[in-house]
C-alpha atoms as a PDB file:
ATOM      1  CA  MET A   1      41.141  75.927 -74.479  1.00  0.00           C
ATOM      2  CA  THR A   2      42.456  78.764 -72.046  1.00  0.00           C
ATOM      3  CA  PHE A   3      41.918  77.868 -68.771  1.00  0.00           C
ATOM      4  CA  THR A   4      41.351  82.100 -66.695  1.00  0.00           C
ATOM      5  CA  PRO A   5      43.478  82.640 -63.844  1.00  0.00           C
ATOM      6  CA  ASN A   6      40.043  81.532 -61.752  1.00  0.00           C
ATOM      7  CA  GLU A   7      39.772  78.004 -63.487  1.00  0.00           C
ATOM      8  CA  ILE A   8      42.588  77.274 -62.722  1.00  0.00           C
ATOM      9  CA  ALA A   9      42.944  77.669 -58.911  1.00  0.00           C
ATOM     10  CA  LEU A  10      39.574  75.911 -58.484  1.00  0.00           C
ATOM     11  CA  LEU A  11      41.838  73.105 -60.739  1.00  0.00           C
ATOM     12  CA  ALA A  12      44.393  73.629 -58.233  1.00  0.00           C
ATOM     13  CA  ILE A  13      41.933  73.309 -54.969  1.00  0.00           C
ATOM     14  CA  ALA A  14      40.049  70.788 -56.758  1.00  0.00           C
ATOM     15  CA  LEU A  15      43.731  67.823 -57.329  1.00  0.00           C
ATOM     16  CA  LEU A  16      45.261  69.413 -53.971  1.00  0.00           C
ATOM     17  CA  ILE A  17      41.964  68.115 -52.267  1.00  0.00           C
ATOM     18  CA  GLY A  18      41.766  64.946 -53.432  1.00  0.00           C
ATOM     19  CA  LEU A  19      45.376  64.187 -53.736  1.00  0.00           C
ATOM     20  CA  LEU A  20      45.053  64.616 -49.573  1.00  0.00           C
ATOM     21  CA  LEU A  21      41.744  62.817 -49.426  1.00  0.00           C
ATOM     22  CA  GLY A  22      43.440  59.972 -51.105  1.00  0.00           C
ATOM     23  CA  LEU A  23      46.531  59.427 -48.804  1.00  0.00           C
ATOM     24  CA  ILE A  24      44.435  60.331 -45.835  1.00  0.00           C
ATOM     25  CA  MET A  25      42.793  57.269 -47.859  1.00  0.00           C
ATOM     26  CA  SER A  26      45.494  55.081 -47.770  1.00  0.00           C
ATOM     27  CA  GLY A  27      48.442  55.801 -45.589  1.00  0.00           C
ATOM     28  CA  ARG A  28      48.744  52.443 -45.619  1.00  0.00           C
ATOM     29  CA  GLY A  29      46.235  51.207 -43.188  1.00  0.00           C
ATOM     30  CA  LYS A  30      48.339  53.160 -40.589  1.00  0.00           C
ATOM     31  CA  TYR A  31      45.341  55.721 -39.536  1.00  0.00           C
ATOM     32  CA  LYS A  32      43.761  51.856 -39.561  1.00  0.00           C
ATOM     33  CA  ARG A  33      46.757  50.865 -37.611  1.00  0.00           C
ATOM     34  CA  TRP A  34      47.214  54.185 -35.029  1.00  0.00           C
ATOM     35  CA  TRP A  35      42.637  54.309 -34.023  1.00  0.00           C
ATOM     36  CA  ARG A  36      43.962  49.761 -32.966  1.00  0.00           C
ATOM     37  CA  ASP A  37      46.054  50.602 -31.515  1.00  0.00           C
ATOM     38  CA  GLU A  38      44.300  53.599 -30.005  1.00  0.00           C
ATOM     39  CA  GLN A  39      41.010  51.027 -29.188  1.00  0.00           C
ATOM     40  CA  LEU A  40      43.312  48.624 -27.894  1.00  0.00           C
ATOM     41  CA  ALA A  41      45.107  50.535 -25.385  1.00  0.00           C
ATOM     42  CA  HIS A  42      42.317  51.815 -23.947  1.00  0.00           C
ATOM     43  CA  ALA A  43      40.007  48.760 -23.495  1.00  0.00           C
ATOM     44  CA  GLN A  44      43.842  47.781 -21.347  1.00  0.00           C
ATOM     45  CA  THR A  45      42.615  51.248 -19.555  1.00  0.00           C
ATOM     46  CA  ALA A  46      39.445  49.620 -18.851  1.00  0.00           C
ATOM     47  CA  LYS A  47      40.518  46.640 -17.412  1.00  0.00           C
ATOM     48  CA  GLU A  48      43.579  47.847 -15.321  1.00  0.00           C
ATOM     49  CA  ARG A  49      40.448  50.580 -13.920  1.00  0.00           C
ATOM     50  CA  ASP A  50      38.476  46.996 -13.119  1.00  0.00           C
ATOM     51  CA  VAL A  51      41.277  44.651 -11.900  1.00  0.00           C
ATOM     52  CA  ARG A  52      41.891  47.808  -9.137  1.00  0.00           C
ATOM     53  CA  LEU A  53      38.225  48.465  -8.466  1.00  0.00           C
ATOM     54  CA  THR A  54      37.748  44.476  -7.524  1.00  0.00           C
ATOM     55  CA  ALA A  55      40.293  45.342  -5.027  1.00  0.00           C
ATOM     56  CA  ALA A  56      39.168  47.871  -3.514  1.00  0.00           C
ATOM     57  CA  GLN A  57      35.465  46.523  -2.897  1.00  0.00           C
ATOM     58  CA  GLU A  58      37.796  43.303  -1.433  1.00  0.00           C
ATOM     59  CA  ARG A  59      39.590  45.369   0.832  1.00  0.00           C
ATOM     60  CA  ILE A  60      36.601  47.714   1.062  1.00  0.00           C
ATOM     61  CA  ALA A  61      34.175  44.333   2.235  1.00  0.00           C
ATOM     62  CA  GLU A  62      36.838  43.252   4.387  1.00  0.00           C
ATOM     63  CA  LEU A  63      37.540  46.193   5.815  1.00  0.00           C
ATOM     64  CA  GLU A  64      33.025  46.071   6.697  1.00  0.00           C
ATOM     65  CA  ARG A  65      33.871  42.445   9.012  1.00  0.00           C
ATOM     66  CA  GLN A  66      36.106  43.250  10.881  1.00  0.00           C
ATOM     67  CA  SER A  67      34.091  46.884  11.823  1.00  0.00           C
ATOM     68  CA  VAL A  68      32.189  46.568  14.576  1.00  0.00           C
ATOM     69  CA  PRO A  69      30.054  48.181  16.360  1.00  0.00           C
ATOM     70  CA  VAL A  70      32.117  50.021  20.134  1.00  0.00           C
ATOM     71  CA  HIS A  71      29.430  49.980  22.587  1.00  0.00           C
ATOM     72  CA  GLY A  72      29.217  48.384  26.071  1.00  0.00           C
ATOM     73  CA  SER A  73      25.579  48.394  26.140  1.00  0.00           C
ATOM     74  CA  ALA A  74      25.139  46.226  22.489  1.00  0.00           C
ATOM     75  CA  ALA A  75      28.028  43.856  23.548  1.00  0.00           C
ATOM     76  CA  VAL A  76      25.915  42.255  26.730  1.00  0.00           C
ATOM     77  CA  GLY A  77      22.641  40.756  26.077  1.00  0.00           C
ATOM     78  CA  THR A  78      20.619  37.937  26.950  1.00  0.00           C
ATOM     79  CA  ILE A  79      20.835  34.153  25.085  1.00  0.00           C
ATOM     80  CA  GLU A  80      18.341  34.047  24.178  1.00  0.00           C
ATOM     81  CA  ARG A  81      17.921  37.364  21.798  1.00  0.00           C
ATOM     82  CA  ALA A  82      21.677  37.026  20.685  1.00  0.00           C
ATOM     83  CA  HIS A  83      20.528  35.399  16.985  1.00  0.00           C
ATOM     84  CA  ASP A  84      17.469  38.195  16.323  1.00  0.00           C
ATOM     85  CA  ARG A  85      17.435  40.543  14.757  1.00  0.00           C
ATOM     86  CA  ASP A  86      14.737  43.682  14.827  1.00  0.00           C
ATOM     87  CA  ASP A  87      13.108  45.055  12.190  1.00  0.00           C
ATOM     88  CA  PHE A  88      14.762  48.507  11.385  1.00  0.00           C
ATOM     89  CA  SER A  89      12.271  49.402   8.334  1.00  0.00           C
ATOM     90  CA  ARG A  90      10.131  49.968  11.182  1.00  0.00           C
ATOM     91  CA  ILE A  91      12.447  53.611  12.205  1.00  0.00           C
ATOM     92  CA  SER A  92      10.792  56.301   9.774  1.00  0.00           C
ATOM     93  CA  GLY A  93      14.297  56.725   7.704  1.00  0.00           C
ATOM     94  CA  ILE A  94      15.858  53.514   7.352  1.00  0.00           C
ATOM     95  CA  THR A  95      14.947  51.926   4.429  1.00  0.00           C
ATOM     96  CA  PRO A  96      15.734  48.237   3.273  1.00  0.00           C
ATOM     97  CA  GLN A  97      19.159  49.244   2.256  1.00  0.00           C
ATOM     98  CA  ASP A  98      19.522  50.979   5.196  1.00  0.00           C
ATOM     99  CA  GLU A  99      18.879  48.033   6.822  1.00  0.00           C
ATOM    100  CA  ILE A 100      21.040  45.717   4.978  1.00  0.00           C
ATOM    101  CA  ALA A 101      23.914  47.414   5.436  1.00  0.00           C
ATOM    102  CA  LEU A 102      23.424  48.303   9.171  1.00  0.00           C
ATOM    103  CA  ASN A 103      23.612  44.573   9.414  1.00  0.00           C
ATOM    104  CA  GLU A 104      26.848  44.452   8.035  1.00  0.00           C
ATOM    105  CA  ALA A 105      28.180  47.022  10.131  1.00  0.00           C
ATOM    106  CA  GLY A 106      27.557  44.451  12.667  1.00  0.00           C
ATOM    107  CA  TYR A 107      24.357  46.188  13.920  1.00  0.00           C
ATOM    108  CA  HIS A 108      21.100  44.055  14.643  1.00  0.00           C
ATOM    109  CA  ARG A 109      19.861  45.532  17.764  1.00  0.00           C
ATOM    110  CA  TYR A 110      17.325  48.419  18.837  1.00  0.00           C
ATOM    111  CA  ASP A 111      19.259  47.855  21.343  1.00  0.00           C
ATOM    112  CA  GLN A 112      22.561  49.134  19.806  1.00  0.00           C
ATOM    113  CA  ILE A 113      20.984  52.148  17.244  1.00  0.00           C
ATOM    114  CA  ALA A 114      19.543  53.623  20.570  1.00  0.00           C
ATOM    115  CA  ALA A 115      22.959  53.608  22.795  1.00  0.00           C
ATOM    116  CA  ILE A 116      24.921  54.921  19.149  1.00  0.00           C
ATOM    117  CA  SER A 117      27.148  57.354  20.047  1.00  0.00           C
ATOM    118  CA  THR A 118      26.746  61.629  17.747  1.00  0.00           C
ATOM    119  CA  GLU A 119      31.023  60.115  17.065  1.00  0.00           C
ATOM    120  CA  GLN A 120      29.244  56.293  15.377  1.00  0.00           C
ATOM    121  CA  GLU A 121      26.437  58.282  14.235  1.00  0.00           C
ATOM    122  CA  ALA A 122      28.761  60.414  11.873  1.00  0.00           C
ATOM    123  CA  ALA A 123      30.433  57.233  11.257  1.00  0.00           C
ATOM    124  CA  LEU A 124      26.881  55.981  10.357  1.00  0.00           C
ATOM    125  CA  GLU A 125      25.707  58.265   7.772  1.00  0.00           C
ATOM    126  CA  THR A 126      28.684  58.493   6.035  1.00  0.00           C
ATOM    127  CA  ARG A 127      28.348  54.659   5.426  1.00  0.00           C
ATOM    128  CA  LEU A 128      24.859  54.692   4.559  1.00  0.00           C
ATOM    129  CA  GLY A 129      25.364  57.857   2.541  1.00  0.00           C
ATOM    130  CA  LEU A 130      23.392  60.193   4.479  1.00  0.00           C
ATOM    131  CA  LYS A 131      23.410  63.924   5.171  1.00  0.00           C
ATOM    132  CA  PRO A 132      25.737  64.830   7.977  1.00  0.00           C
ATOM    133  CA  GLY A 133      22.584  65.114  11.216  1.00  0.00           C
ATOM    134  CA  VAL A 134      20.140  62.729   9.458  1.00  0.00           C
ATOM    135  CA  ILE A 135      20.382  60.135  12.088  1.00  0.00           C
ATOM    136  CA  SER A 136      20.074  62.968  14.671  1.00  0.00           C
ATOM    137  CA  ARG A 137      17.216  64.465  13.069  1.00  0.00           C
ATOM    138  CA  GLU A 138      14.566  61.341  12.561  1.00  0.00           C
ATOM    139  CA  GLU A 139      15.630  60.350  15.858  1.00  0.00           C
ATOM    140  CA  TRP A 140      16.471  57.174  14.812  1.00  0.00           C
ATOM    141  CA  ARG A 141      17.977  56.028  18.918  1.00  0.00           C
ATOM    142  CA  GLU A 142      14.923  57.456  20.233  1.00  0.00           C
ATOM    143  CA  GLN A 143      12.379  55.453  17.724  1.00  0.00           C
ATOM    144  CA  ALA A 144      14.980  52.522  18.719  1.00  0.00           C
ATOM    145  CA  ARG A 145      14.092  53.270  22.574  1.00  0.00           C
ATOM    146  CA  LEU A 146      10.841  53.406  21.781  1.00  0.00           C
ATOM    147  CA  LEU A 147      10.428  49.746  19.619  1.00  0.00           C
ATOM    148  CA  ASP A 148      12.988  48.484  22.018  1.00  0.00           C
ATOM    149  CA  GLU A 149      10.900  49.449  24.995  1.00  0.00           C
ATOM    150  CA  ARG A 150       7.952  48.285  22.992  1.00  0.00           C
ATOM    151  CA  THR A 151       9.675  44.371  22.198  1.00  0.00           C
ATOM    152  CA  ASP A 152      10.366  43.961  25.204  1.00  0.00           C
ATOM    153  CA  ARG A 153       7.707  44.716  27.373  1.00  0.00           C
ATOM    154  CA  GLY A 154       5.926  42.517  24.258  1.00  0.00           C
ATOM    155  CA  ARG A 155       8.402  39.301  24.651  1.00  0.00           C
ATOM    156  CA  ALA A 156       8.081  39.354  28.683  1.00  0.00           C
ATOM    157  CA  ARG A 157       4.484  39.210  28.362  1.00  0.00           C
ATOM    158  CA  SER A 158       4.877  36.490  25.530  1.00  0.00           C
ATOM    159  CA  HIS A 159       7.272  34.441  28.448  1.00  0.00           C
ATOM    160  CA  ASP A 160       4.771  35.109  31.603  1.00  0.00           C
ATOM    161  CA  HIS A 161       1.536  33.533  29.276  1.00  0.00           C
ATOM    162  CA  ARG A 162       3.603  31.164  28.960  1.00  0.00           C
ATOM    163  CA  ALA A 163       4.600  30.871  32.429  1.00  0.00           C
ATOM    164  CA  THR A 164       1.332  31.394  34.208  1.00  0.00           C
ATOM    165  CA  PRO A 165      -0.941  27.733  34.246  1.00  0.00           C
ATOM    166  CA  VAL A 166      -3.257  26.973  32.706  1.00  0.00           C
END
Protein backbone atom coordinates (compact mmCIF):
# COMPACT_ATOMS: atom_id res chain seq x y z
CA MET A 1 0.00 0.00 0.00
CA THR A 2 1.43 3.34 -0.99
CA PHE A 3 0.56 6.74 0.42
CA THR A 4 0.43 9.94 -1.54
CA PRO A 5 2.21 13.01 -0.20
CA ASN A 6 -1.14 14.58 0.72
CA GLU A 7 -2.16 11.55 2.79
CA ILE A 8 1.21 11.53 4.54
CA ALA A 9 0.88 15.24 5.40
CA LEU A 10 -2.65 14.70 6.77
CA LEU A 11 -1.49 11.70 8.80
CA ALA A 12 1.43 13.71 10.23
CA ILE A 13 -0.89 16.60 11.13
CA ALA A 14 -3.35 14.21 12.84
CA LEU A 15 -0.53 12.57 14.80
CA LEU A 16 0.88 15.93 15.82
CA ILE A 17 -2.56 17.15 17.01
CA GLY A 18 -3.04 13.90 18.92
CA LEU A 19 0.35 14.29 20.55
CA LEU A 20 -0.37 17.88 21.61
CA LEU A 21 -3.81 16.96 22.99
CA GLY A 22 -2.31 14.03 24.86
CA LEU A 23 0.34 16.27 26.45
CA ILE A 24 -2.24 18.85 27.41
CA MET A 25 -4.65 16.29 28.83
CA SER A 26 -2.14 14.32 30.82
CA GLY A 27 0.34 16.98 31.88
CA ARG A 28 0.56 15.11 35.15
CA GLY A 29 -2.04 17.45 36.65
CA LYS A 30 0.10 20.50 35.92
CA TYR A 31 -2.72 22.47 34.29
CA LYS A 32 -5.20 21.35 36.93
CA ARG A 33 -2.77 22.58 39.60
CA TRP A 34 -2.36 25.89 37.83
CA TRP A 35 -6.14 26.31 37.66
CA ARG A 36 -6.56 25.39 41.34
CA ASP A 37 -3.75 27.79 42.34
CA GLU A 38 -5.42 30.54 40.34
CA GLN A 39 -8.76 29.85 42.05
CA LEU A 40 -7.11 29.97 45.50
CA ALA A 41 -5.33 33.22 44.66
CA HIS A 42 -8.63 34.72 43.48
CA ALA A 43 -10.42 33.60 46.66
CA GLN A 44 -7.65 35.12 48.80
CA THR A 45 -7.84 38.39 46.89
CA ALA A 46 -11.62 38.47 47.35
CA LYS A 47 -11.24 37.89 51.12
CA GLU A 48 -8.67 40.68 51.40
CA ARG A 49 -10.95 43.03 49.43
CA ASP A 50 -13.89 42.18 51.72
CA VAL A 51 -11.77 42.84 54.82
CA ARG A 52 -10.66 46.23 53.46
CA LEU A 53 -14.24 47.08 52.49
CA THR A 54 -15.58 46.15 55.93
CA ALA A 55 -12.86 48.24 57.61
CA ALA A 56 -13.66 51.20 55.36
CA GLN A 57 -17.39 50.92 56.08
CA GLU A 58 -16.73 50.79 59.82
CA ARG A 59 -14.54 53.88 59.55
CA ILE A 60 -17.23 55.70 57.56
CA ALA A 61 -19.86 54.76 60.15
CA GLU A 62 -17.56 56.00 62.94
CA LEU A 63 -16.96 59.32 61.18
CA GLU A 64 -20.69 59.73 60.52
CA ARG A 65 -21.43 59.14 64.20
CA GLN A 66 -18.87 61.79 65.11
CA SER A 67 -20.10 64.37 62.61
CA VAL A 68 -22.63 66.81 63.97
CA PRO A 69 -24.24 69.57 61.95
CA VAL A 70 -22.59 72.86 62.80
CA HIS A 71 -25.07 75.69 63.10
CA GLY A 72 -26.23 77.66 66.08
CA SER A 73 -30.00 77.73 65.69
CA ALA A 74 -30.24 73.97 65.36
CA ALA A 75 -28.32 73.34 68.58
CA VAL A 76 -30.67 75.52 70.61
CA GLY A 77 -34.09 74.00 71.13
CA THR A 78 -36.67 73.57 73.78
CA ILE A 79 -36.61 70.59 76.12
CA GLU A 80 -40.03 69.59 74.80
CA ARG A 81 -38.63 69.20 71.29
CA ALA A 82 -35.25 67.68 72.24
CA HIS A 83 -36.18 64.07 71.55
CA ASP A 84 -38.79 64.60 68.84
CA ARG A 85 -38.06 63.97 65.22
CA ASP A 86 -39.93 65.69 62.46
CA ASP A 87 -41.22 63.72 59.49
CA PHE A 88 -38.83 64.72 56.71
CA SER A 89 -40.81 62.67 54.18
CA ARG A 90 -43.27 65.58 54.14
CA ILE A 91 -40.58 67.59 52.35
CA SER A 92 -40.91 67.02 48.63
CA GLY A 93 -37.83 65.25 47.30
CA ILE A 94 -36.77 63.50 50.52
CA THR A 95 -37.07 59.72 50.28
CA PRO A 96 -37.28 57.42 53.32
CA GLN A 97 -33.63 56.50 52.74
CA ASP A 98 -32.69 60.19 52.65
CA GLU A 99 -34.61 60.75 55.89
CA ILE A 100 -32.64 57.95 57.59
CA ALA A 101 -29.36 59.38 56.31
CA LEU A 102 -30.35 62.87 57.50
CA ASN A 103 -31.19 61.52 60.95
CA GLU A 104 -27.85 59.68 61.07
CA ALA A 105 -26.14 62.94 60.13
CA GLY A 106 -27.77 64.66 63.10
CA TYR A 107 -30.66 66.42 61.37
CA HIS A 108 -33.92 65.66 63.20
CA ARG A 109 -35.96 68.86 63.03
CA TYR A 110 -37.36 71.05 60.29
CA ASP A 111 -35.57 74.08 61.72
CA GLN A 112 -32.24 72.30 61.29
CA ILE A 113 -32.94 71.75 57.59
CA ALA A 114 -34.18 75.33 57.23
CA ALA A 115 -30.95 76.65 58.80
CA ILE A 116 -28.38 74.75 56.71
CA SER A 117 -25.79 76.79 54.88
CA THR A 118 -24.76 76.33 51.27
CA GLU A 119 -21.63 74.44 52.40
CA GLN A 120 -23.72 72.08 54.50
CA GLU A 121 -26.13 71.75 51.60
CA ALA A 122 -23.30 70.63 49.32
CA ALA A 123 -22.05 68.19 51.96
CA LEU A 124 -25.56 66.75 52.38
CA GLU A 125 -25.96 66.34 48.63
CA THR A 126 -22.68 64.44 48.53
CA ARG A 127 -23.63 62.32 51.54
CA LEU A 128 -27.07 61.48 50.11
CA GLY A 129 -25.69 60.83 46.62
CA LEU A 130 -27.70 63.65 45.07
CA LYS A 131 -26.67 65.80 42.14
CA PRO A 132 -25.29 69.22 43.10
CA GLY A 133 -28.02 71.83 43.50
CA VAL A 134 -30.91 69.41 44.11
CA ILE A 135 -31.62 70.69 47.62
CA SER A 136 -31.92 74.29 46.49
CA ARG A 137 -33.83 73.35 43.32
CA GLU A 138 -36.38 71.35 45.31
CA GLU A 139 -36.44 74.12 47.96
CA TRP A 140 -35.87 71.87 50.99
CA ARG A 141 -35.01 74.82 53.20
CA GLU A 142 -38.16 76.74 52.30
CA GLN A 143 -40.35 73.65 52.71
CA ALA A 144 -38.74 72.89 56.06
CA ARG A 145 -39.24 76.49 57.23
CA LEU A 146 -42.95 76.36 56.31
CA LEU A 147 -43.40 72.96 57.95
CA ASP A 148 -41.57 74.18 61.06
CA GLU A 149 -43.87 77.22 61.31
CA ARG A 150 -46.91 75.00 60.84
CA THR A 151 -45.63 72.54 63.47
CA ASP A 152 -44.89 75.39 65.92
CA ARG A 153 -48.38 76.84 65.45
CA GLY A 154 -49.91 73.37 65.95
CA ARG A 155 -47.95 72.85 69.16
CA ALA A 156 -48.88 76.32 70.40
CA ARG A 157 -52.55 75.67 69.65
CA SER A 158 -52.51 72.33 71.47
CA HIS A 159 -50.70 73.98 74.41
CA ASP A 160 -53.24 76.84 74.51
CA HIS A 161 -56.08 74.33 74.31
CA ARG A 162 -54.72 72.44 77.31
CA ALA A 163 -54.23 75.67 79.25
CA THR A 164 -57.81 76.91 78.85
CA PRO A 165 -60.06 76.03 81.81
CA VAL A 166 -63.01 73.76 81.19
